[in-house]
N, C-alpha and C. Protein backbone atom coordinates (compact mmCIF):
# COMPACT_ATOMS: atom_id res chain seq x y z
N MET A 1 18.93 30.16 -7.24
CA MET A 1 18.50 31.91 -8.31
C MET A 1 18.98 32.35 -7.91
N TYR A 2 19.57 32.70 -6.99
CA TYR A 2 20.77 34.88 -6.84
C TYR A 2 21.87 34.13 -6.48
N ASN A 3 22.80 34.43 -7.92
CA ASN A 3 24.02 34.68 -7.65
C ASN A 3 24.65 35.34 -6.63
N TYR A 4 25.12 34.91 -5.08
CA TYR A 4 25.78 35.88 -4.11
C TYR A 4 27.05 36.55 -4.48
N GLY A 5 28.01 35.76 -5.66
CA GLY A 5 28.85 36.07 -5.28
C GLY A 5 29.67 35.56 -4.30
N ILE A 6 30.39 37.05 -3.97
CA ILE A 6 30.85 36.75 -2.01
C ILE A 6 29.75 37.47 -1.30
N ILE A 7 29.90 36.96 -0.34
CA ILE A 7 29.24 37.30 1.04
C ILE A 7 30.04 37.92 2.22
N TYR A 8 29.74 38.84 2.65
CA TYR A 8 30.62 39.40 3.94
C TYR A 8 29.92 38.58 4.92
N ILE A 9 30.75 38.21 5.58
CA ILE A 9 29.91 37.46 6.83
C ILE A 9 31.24 37.92 7.73
N ASP A 10 31.87 38.53 8.13
CA ASP A 10 32.72 38.47 9.08
C ASP A 10 32.23 38.37 10.94
N PHE A 11 31.38 38.85 10.99
CA PHE A 11 30.84 38.56 12.71
C PHE A 11 30.76 36.91 12.75
N LEU A 12 30.63 36.33 11.46
CA LEU A 12 30.11 34.68 11.71
C LEU A 12 31.08 34.22 11.59
N VAL A 13 32.59 34.81 11.15
CA VAL A 13 33.27 33.55 10.53
C VAL A 13 34.48 33.61 11.31
N CYS A 14 34.39 35.10 11.56
CA CYS A 14 35.64 35.19 12.06
C CYS A 14 35.61 34.66 13.25
N LYS A 15 34.65 34.93 14.21
CA LYS A 15 34.01 34.67 15.35
C LYS A 15 34.66 32.97 15.76
N ILE A 16 33.97 31.97 14.24
CA ILE A 16 34.25 30.98 14.19
C ILE A 16 35.73 30.03 14.00
N ARG A 17 36.49 30.96 13.46
CA ARG A 17 38.13 30.72 13.58
C ARG A 17 39.21 31.52 14.04
N GLY A 18 38.12 32.38 15.19
CA GLY A 18 39.29 32.73 16.49
C GLY A 18 39.77 33.93 15.55
N VAL A 19 39.44 34.83 14.08
CA VAL A 19 40.59 35.72 14.03
C VAL A 19 39.84 37.01 14.00
N THR A 20 39.86 38.02 15.17
CA THR A 20 39.23 39.21 14.86
C THR A 20 40.51 40.43 14.18
N GLY A 21 39.80 41.42 13.85
CA GLY A 21 40.14 42.66 13.12
C GLY A 21 40.32 42.57 11.71
N LYS A 22 39.85 41.25 10.85
CA LYS A 22 40.59 40.71 9.58
C LYS A 22 38.94 40.76 9.15
N VAL A 23 38.82 41.21 7.86
CA VAL A 23 37.61 40.70 7.14
C VAL A 23 38.00 39.37 5.81
N ASN A 24 36.85 38.66 6.57
CA ASN A 24 36.70 37.46 5.76
C ASN A 24 35.36 37.20 4.91
N TRP A 25 36.08 36.81 3.39
CA TRP A 25 35.10 37.04 2.32
C TRP A 25 34.95 35.36 1.52
N LEU A 26 33.73 34.66 2.18
CA LEU A 26 33.74 33.46 1.37
C LEU A 26 32.88 33.83 0.37
N SER A 27 32.80 32.79 -1.12
CA SER A 27 31.71 32.54 -2.15
C SER A 27 30.34 31.55 -1.22
N TRP A 28 29.60 32.01 -2.17
CA TRP A 28 27.92 31.61 -1.83
C TRP A 28 28.49 29.80 -2.00
N GLU A 29 29.57 30.09 -3.16
CA GLU A 29 28.97 28.27 -3.52
C GLU A 29 29.83 28.16 -2.10
N LYS A 30 30.67 27.59 -1.07
CA LYS A 30 31.34 27.56 -0.19
C LYS A 30 30.46 27.66 0.98
N LEU A 31 29.56 28.91 1.57
CA LEU A 31 29.12 29.09 2.35
C LEU A 31 27.53 27.94 2.23
N GLY A 32 27.35 27.58 0.75
CA GLY A 32 26.03 26.22 0.69
C GLY A 32 26.14 25.02 0.72
N LEU A 33 27.66 25.16 0.58
CA LEU A 33 27.76 23.13 0.75
C LEU A 33 27.36 23.22 2.53
N PRO A 34 26.89 21.57 2.20
CA PRO A 34 26.44 21.19 3.82
C PRO A 34 28.19 21.31 4.93
N LYS A 35 27.49 21.48 5.99
CA LYS A 35 28.72 21.24 6.82
C LYS A 35 29.24 20.08 7.57
N GLU A 36 28.97 19.14 7.21
CA GLU A 36 30.27 18.03 6.20
C GLU A 36 30.67 17.56 5.16
N GLU A 37 31.27 19.13 4.56
CA GLU A 37 31.77 18.75 3.46
C GLU A 37 32.46 20.30 3.81
N GLY A 38 32.08 21.16 5.01
CA GLY A 38 33.00 22.17 4.76
C GLY A 38 32.73 23.33 5.14
N GLY A 39 31.25 23.41 4.40
CA GLY A 39 30.14 24.80 4.17
C GLY A 39 30.18 24.88 5.31
N MET A 40 28.92 26.82 5.51
CA MET A 40 28.07 26.71 7.11
C MET A 40 26.40 26.25 6.63
N GLY A 41 26.18 25.47 5.26
CA GLY A 41 24.55 24.51 5.19
C GLY A 41 24.08 25.62 5.02
N PHE A 42 24.23 27.15 4.93
CA PHE A 42 23.01 28.11 4.02
C PHE A 42 22.32 27.22 2.94
N ARG A 43 21.24 27.78 2.87
CA ARG A 43 20.23 27.83 1.80
C ARG A 43 19.73 28.87 1.49
N CYS A 44 19.24 28.65 -0.29
CA CYS A 44 18.63 30.13 -0.22
C CYS A 44 17.21 29.84 0.03
N LEU A 45 17.01 31.65 0.80
CA LEU A 45 15.32 31.34 1.49
C LEU A 45 14.85 31.90 0.73
N ARG A 46 14.78 32.20 -0.75
CA ARG A 46 14.04 32.80 -1.49
C ARG A 46 13.24 31.29 -2.59
N ASP A 47 13.95 30.22 -2.20
CA ASP A 47 13.56 28.99 -2.68
C ASP A 47 12.79 28.08 -1.76
N PHE A 48 13.36 28.33 -0.74
CA PHE A 48 12.84 27.45 0.50
C PHE A 48 11.24 28.65 1.31
N ASN A 49 10.86 29.68 1.05
CA ASN A 49 9.99 29.98 0.95
C ASN A 49 9.13 29.86 -0.07
N LEU A 50 9.54 30.03 -1.48
CA LEU A 50 8.36 29.39 -2.32
C LEU A 50 7.85 27.99 -2.44
N ALA A 51 8.94 26.93 -1.72
CA ALA A 51 8.47 25.70 -1.65
C ALA A 51 7.39 25.97 -0.43
N LEU A 52 7.11 26.25 0.55
CA LEU A 52 6.23 26.65 1.61
C LEU A 52 5.14 27.35 1.10
N LEU A 53 5.22 28.39 -0.31
CA LEU A 53 3.94 28.49 -0.43
C LEU A 53 3.33 27.90 -1.62
N ALA A 54 4.30 26.93 -1.98
CA ALA A 54 3.38 26.62 -3.10
C ALA A 54 3.22 25.12 -1.91
N LYS A 55 3.45 24.53 -0.99
CA LYS A 55 2.65 23.33 -0.16
C LYS A 55 1.65 24.01 0.74
N VAL A 56 1.45 25.55 0.94
CA VAL A 56 0.16 26.22 1.61
C VAL A 56 -0.94 25.90 0.32
N GLY A 57 -0.03 26.06 -1.15
CA GLY A 57 -1.44 25.84 -1.75
C GLY A 57 -1.70 24.58 -2.75
N TRP A 58 -0.91 23.40 -2.03
CA TRP A 58 -1.47 22.48 -2.58
C TRP A 58 -2.35 21.78 -1.22
N ARG A 59 -2.42 22.24 0.11
CA ARG A 59 -3.09 22.26 0.86
C ARG A 59 -4.31 22.74 0.84
N ILE A 60 -4.72 23.74 0.04
CA ILE A 60 -6.02 24.28 -0.17
C ILE A 60 -6.46 23.86 -1.41
N ILE A 61 -5.74 23.13 -2.03
CA ILE A 61 -6.44 22.37 -3.00
C ILE A 61 -6.25 21.01 -2.62
N GLN A 62 -5.57 20.13 -1.96
CA GLN A 62 -6.02 19.09 -0.79
C GLN A 62 -7.66 19.15 0.02
N GLN A 63 -7.62 20.05 0.89
CA GLN A 63 -8.12 20.92 2.01
C GLN A 63 -9.60 21.84 1.07
N PRO A 64 -10.27 21.84 0.25
CA PRO A 64 -10.57 22.85 0.50
C PRO A 64 -12.19 22.96 1.36
N GLU A 65 -12.60 22.07 2.17
CA GLU A 65 -13.21 22.58 3.47
C GLU A 65 -13.13 22.69 4.33
N ALA A 66 -11.36 22.92 4.83
CA ALA A 66 -10.98 23.38 5.96
C ALA A 66 -11.63 25.12 6.06
N LEU A 67 -12.03 25.49 7.80
CA LEU A 67 -11.95 26.78 7.80
C LEU A 67 -11.22 27.80 7.41
N TRP A 68 -10.19 27.72 6.71
CA TRP A 68 -8.65 28.80 6.71
C TRP A 68 -8.88 28.99 5.48
N VAL A 69 -9.57 27.76 5.11
CA VAL A 69 -9.49 27.64 3.25
C VAL A 69 -10.71 27.92 2.87
N GLN A 70 -12.07 27.62 3.22
CA GLN A 70 -13.05 28.74 3.19
C GLN A 70 -12.87 30.44 3.58
N VAL A 71 -12.18 30.96 4.45
CA VAL A 71 -11.90 32.09 4.57
C VAL A 71 -11.75 32.92 3.00
N LEU A 72 -10.27 32.25 2.90
CA LEU A 72 -9.42 32.47 1.59
C LEU A 72 -10.47 32.18 0.64
N LYS A 73 -11.45 31.70 0.56
CA LYS A 73 -11.87 31.51 -1.02
C LYS A 73 -13.11 32.58 -0.64
N GLY A 74 -13.76 33.05 0.36
CA GLY A 74 -14.70 34.25 0.25
C GLY A 74 -14.58 35.09 -0.07
N LEU A 75 -12.81 35.64 0.37
CA LEU A 75 -12.37 37.01 0.21
C LEU A 75 -11.80 36.92 -0.50
N TYR A 76 -11.09 36.32 -1.85
CA TYR A 76 -10.52 35.97 -2.60
C TYR A 76 -10.58 35.92 -4.17
N PHE A 77 -11.61 34.75 -4.19
CA PHE A 77 -11.88 34.13 -5.08
C PHE A 77 -13.51 32.98 -4.85
N PRO A 78 -14.15 34.08 -4.57
CA PRO A 78 -15.66 33.38 -4.33
C PRO A 78 -16.19 32.65 -5.62
N ASP A 79 -16.13 33.02 -6.69
CA ASP A 79 -16.79 32.52 -7.87
C ASP A 79 -15.74 31.57 -8.97
N CYS A 80 -14.82 31.10 -7.61
CA CYS A 80 -13.72 30.32 -8.60
C CYS A 80 -13.31 29.25 -8.35
N ASP A 81 -12.28 28.06 -8.74
CA ASP A 81 -11.18 27.08 -7.95
C ASP A 81 -9.98 28.49 -7.73
N PHE A 82 -8.90 27.65 -6.76
CA PHE A 82 -7.48 28.08 -6.63
C PHE A 82 -6.98 28.72 -7.81
N LEU A 83 -7.40 27.56 -8.22
CA LEU A 83 -6.47 27.16 -9.38
C LEU A 83 -6.56 28.10 -10.38
N SER A 84 -7.80 29.07 -10.33
CA SER A 84 -8.08 29.90 -12.14
C SER A 84 -7.99 31.41 -11.11
N ALA A 85 -7.80 31.94 -9.53
CA ALA A 85 -8.33 32.82 -8.80
C ALA A 85 -6.86 33.31 -9.33
N SER A 86 -7.59 34.91 -9.44
CA SER A 86 -6.76 35.91 -9.60
C SER A 86 -6.47 36.69 -8.30
N LYS A 87 -5.26 37.30 -8.79
CA LYS A 87 -4.74 37.88 -7.16
C LYS A 87 -5.39 39.33 -7.24
N GLY A 88 -6.82 39.93 -8.26
CA GLY A 88 -7.57 40.65 -7.96
C GLY A 88 -6.86 42.26 -7.62
N PRO A 89 -8.13 43.48 -7.14
CA PRO A 89 -6.84 44.74 -6.67
C PRO A 89 -7.04 44.73 -5.29
N ARG A 90 -7.78 44.41 -4.64
CA ARG A 90 -7.05 44.61 -3.14
C ARG A 90 -6.30 43.30 -2.05
N ALA A 91 -5.56 42.83 -3.11
CA ALA A 91 -5.08 41.26 -2.31
C ALA A 91 -4.22 42.14 -1.35
N SER A 92 -4.00 41.39 -0.21
CA SER A 92 -3.25 41.37 0.71
C SER A 92 -1.81 40.04 0.56
N TRP A 93 -0.70 41.10 0.55
CA TRP A 93 0.63 40.63 1.11
C TRP A 93 0.53 38.92 0.67
N ALA A 94 -0.18 37.88 2.44
CA ALA A 94 -0.24 36.75 2.20
C ALA A 94 -0.93 36.17 0.89
N TRP A 95 -2.03 37.06 0.35
CA TRP A 95 -2.14 36.04 -0.44
C TRP A 95 -1.58 36.12 -2.44
N SER A 96 -1.14 37.31 -2.41
CA SER A 96 0.07 37.49 -3.67
C SER A 96 1.13 36.36 -3.52
N SER A 97 1.88 35.97 -1.92
CA SER A 97 2.00 35.74 -1.77
C SER A 97 2.11 33.86 -1.70
N ILE A 98 1.22 33.20 -1.71
CA ILE A 98 0.37 32.03 -2.09
C ILE A 98 -0.30 32.19 -3.25
N LEU A 99 -0.50 33.19 -3.90
CA LEU A 99 -0.52 33.14 -5.45
C LEU A 99 1.36 32.45 -6.27
N GLU A 100 1.78 33.16 -5.68
CA GLU A 100 3.29 32.45 -5.80
C GLU A 100 3.72 31.88 -5.96
N GLY A 101 2.99 30.70 -4.61
CA GLY A 101 3.75 29.33 -4.13
C GLY A 101 2.61 28.92 -5.27
N ARG A 102 1.55 29.16 -5.54
CA ARG A 102 1.05 28.46 -6.98
C ARG A 102 0.71 27.90 -8.58
N ASN A 103 1.57 29.48 -8.73
CA ASN A 103 2.11 29.38 -10.19
C ASN A 103 3.65 28.60 -9.64
N LEU A 104 4.22 28.12 -8.92
CA LEU A 104 5.40 27.69 -8.78
C LEU A 104 4.21 25.87 -9.21
N LEU A 105 3.53 25.62 -8.13
CA LEU A 105 2.18 24.25 -8.43
C LEU A 105 2.54 23.73 -9.73
N THR A 106 1.39 25.18 -10.14
CA THR A 106 1.37 24.93 -11.72
C THR A 106 2.50 24.96 -12.73
N ASP A 107 3.33 24.46 -12.02
CA ASP A 107 4.27 25.30 -13.52
C ASP A 107 5.21 23.76 -13.41
N HIS A 108 5.28 23.65 -12.27
CA HIS A 108 6.00 21.89 -11.93
C HIS A 108 5.34 20.81 -11.30
N ALA A 109 3.75 20.59 -11.55
CA ALA A 109 2.94 20.05 -11.00
C ALA A 109 2.83 19.08 -12.86
N LEU A 110 2.40 17.46 -11.99
CA LEU A 110 2.50 16.41 -13.25
C LEU A 110 1.58 15.73 -12.83
N TRP A 111 0.41 14.70 -13.92
CA TRP A 111 -0.34 14.01 -13.92
C TRP A 111 0.27 12.36 -13.44
N GLN A 112 0.24 11.98 -12.52
CA GLN A 112 0.27 10.26 -12.63
C GLN A 112 -0.56 9.32 -12.15
N VAL A 113 -0.54 8.73 -13.35
CA VAL A 113 -1.72 7.42 -13.67
C VAL A 113 -1.71 6.08 -12.99
N LEU A 114 -2.11 6.42 -11.64
CA LEU A 114 -1.75 5.47 -11.20
C LEU A 114 -2.25 4.01 -10.61
N ASN A 115 -4.16 3.47 -11.48
CA ASN A 115 -4.72 2.17 -12.56
C ASN A 115 -5.20 3.62 -13.40
N ARG A 116 -6.08 2.17 -14.17
CA ARG A 116 -6.90 2.77 -14.98
C ARG A 116 -8.45 3.20 -14.21
N GLU A 117 -8.38 3.05 -13.30
CA GLU A 117 -10.38 3.23 -13.58
C GLU A 117 -9.94 4.45 -12.78
N SER A 118 -8.96 5.41 -12.30
CA SER A 118 -8.94 6.69 -12.50
C SER A 118 -9.56 7.92 -12.97
N ILE A 119 -8.79 7.74 -14.39
CA ILE A 119 -8.92 8.18 -15.70
C ILE A 119 -9.54 7.53 -16.00
N SER A 120 -10.69 8.66 -17.32
CA SER A 120 -11.70 8.20 -17.96
C SER A 120 -11.88 8.93 -19.31
N THR A 121 -11.15 8.02 -20.29
CA THR A 121 -10.40 8.21 -21.31
C THR A 121 -11.45 8.95 -22.38
N TRP A 122 -12.53 8.86 -22.35
CA TRP A 122 -13.55 8.48 -23.17
C TRP A 122 -14.39 9.77 -23.09
N GLU A 123 -14.24 10.64 -22.22
CA GLU A 123 -15.22 11.77 -21.72
C GLU A 123 -14.48 12.80 -22.45
């Protein structure tokens, strides 16, 4: 998602290569390669964080009776469901982050019909 271009990691790369007193510049593409391919195996932390927040949102949808979900519901969306909840004026940092994960879910979620019995086409 981010184009970091070139990242300065002198403290790390120089120690690995055994070089001191020299600045080493590596491209993000090189750092992001798996270790097996000669890279450092770094991942985009923002994407990883959004994926974990989407997982929290999915658990809110799947486990509405869980105590922690009931607490969130009482605080942030008492009159609606999670998918239609808004941020609100007193939203905490955690709730705002969970809503970002929900947006990822709603933007990329798909319906999958497994059998005819789970979907009613006449209603």
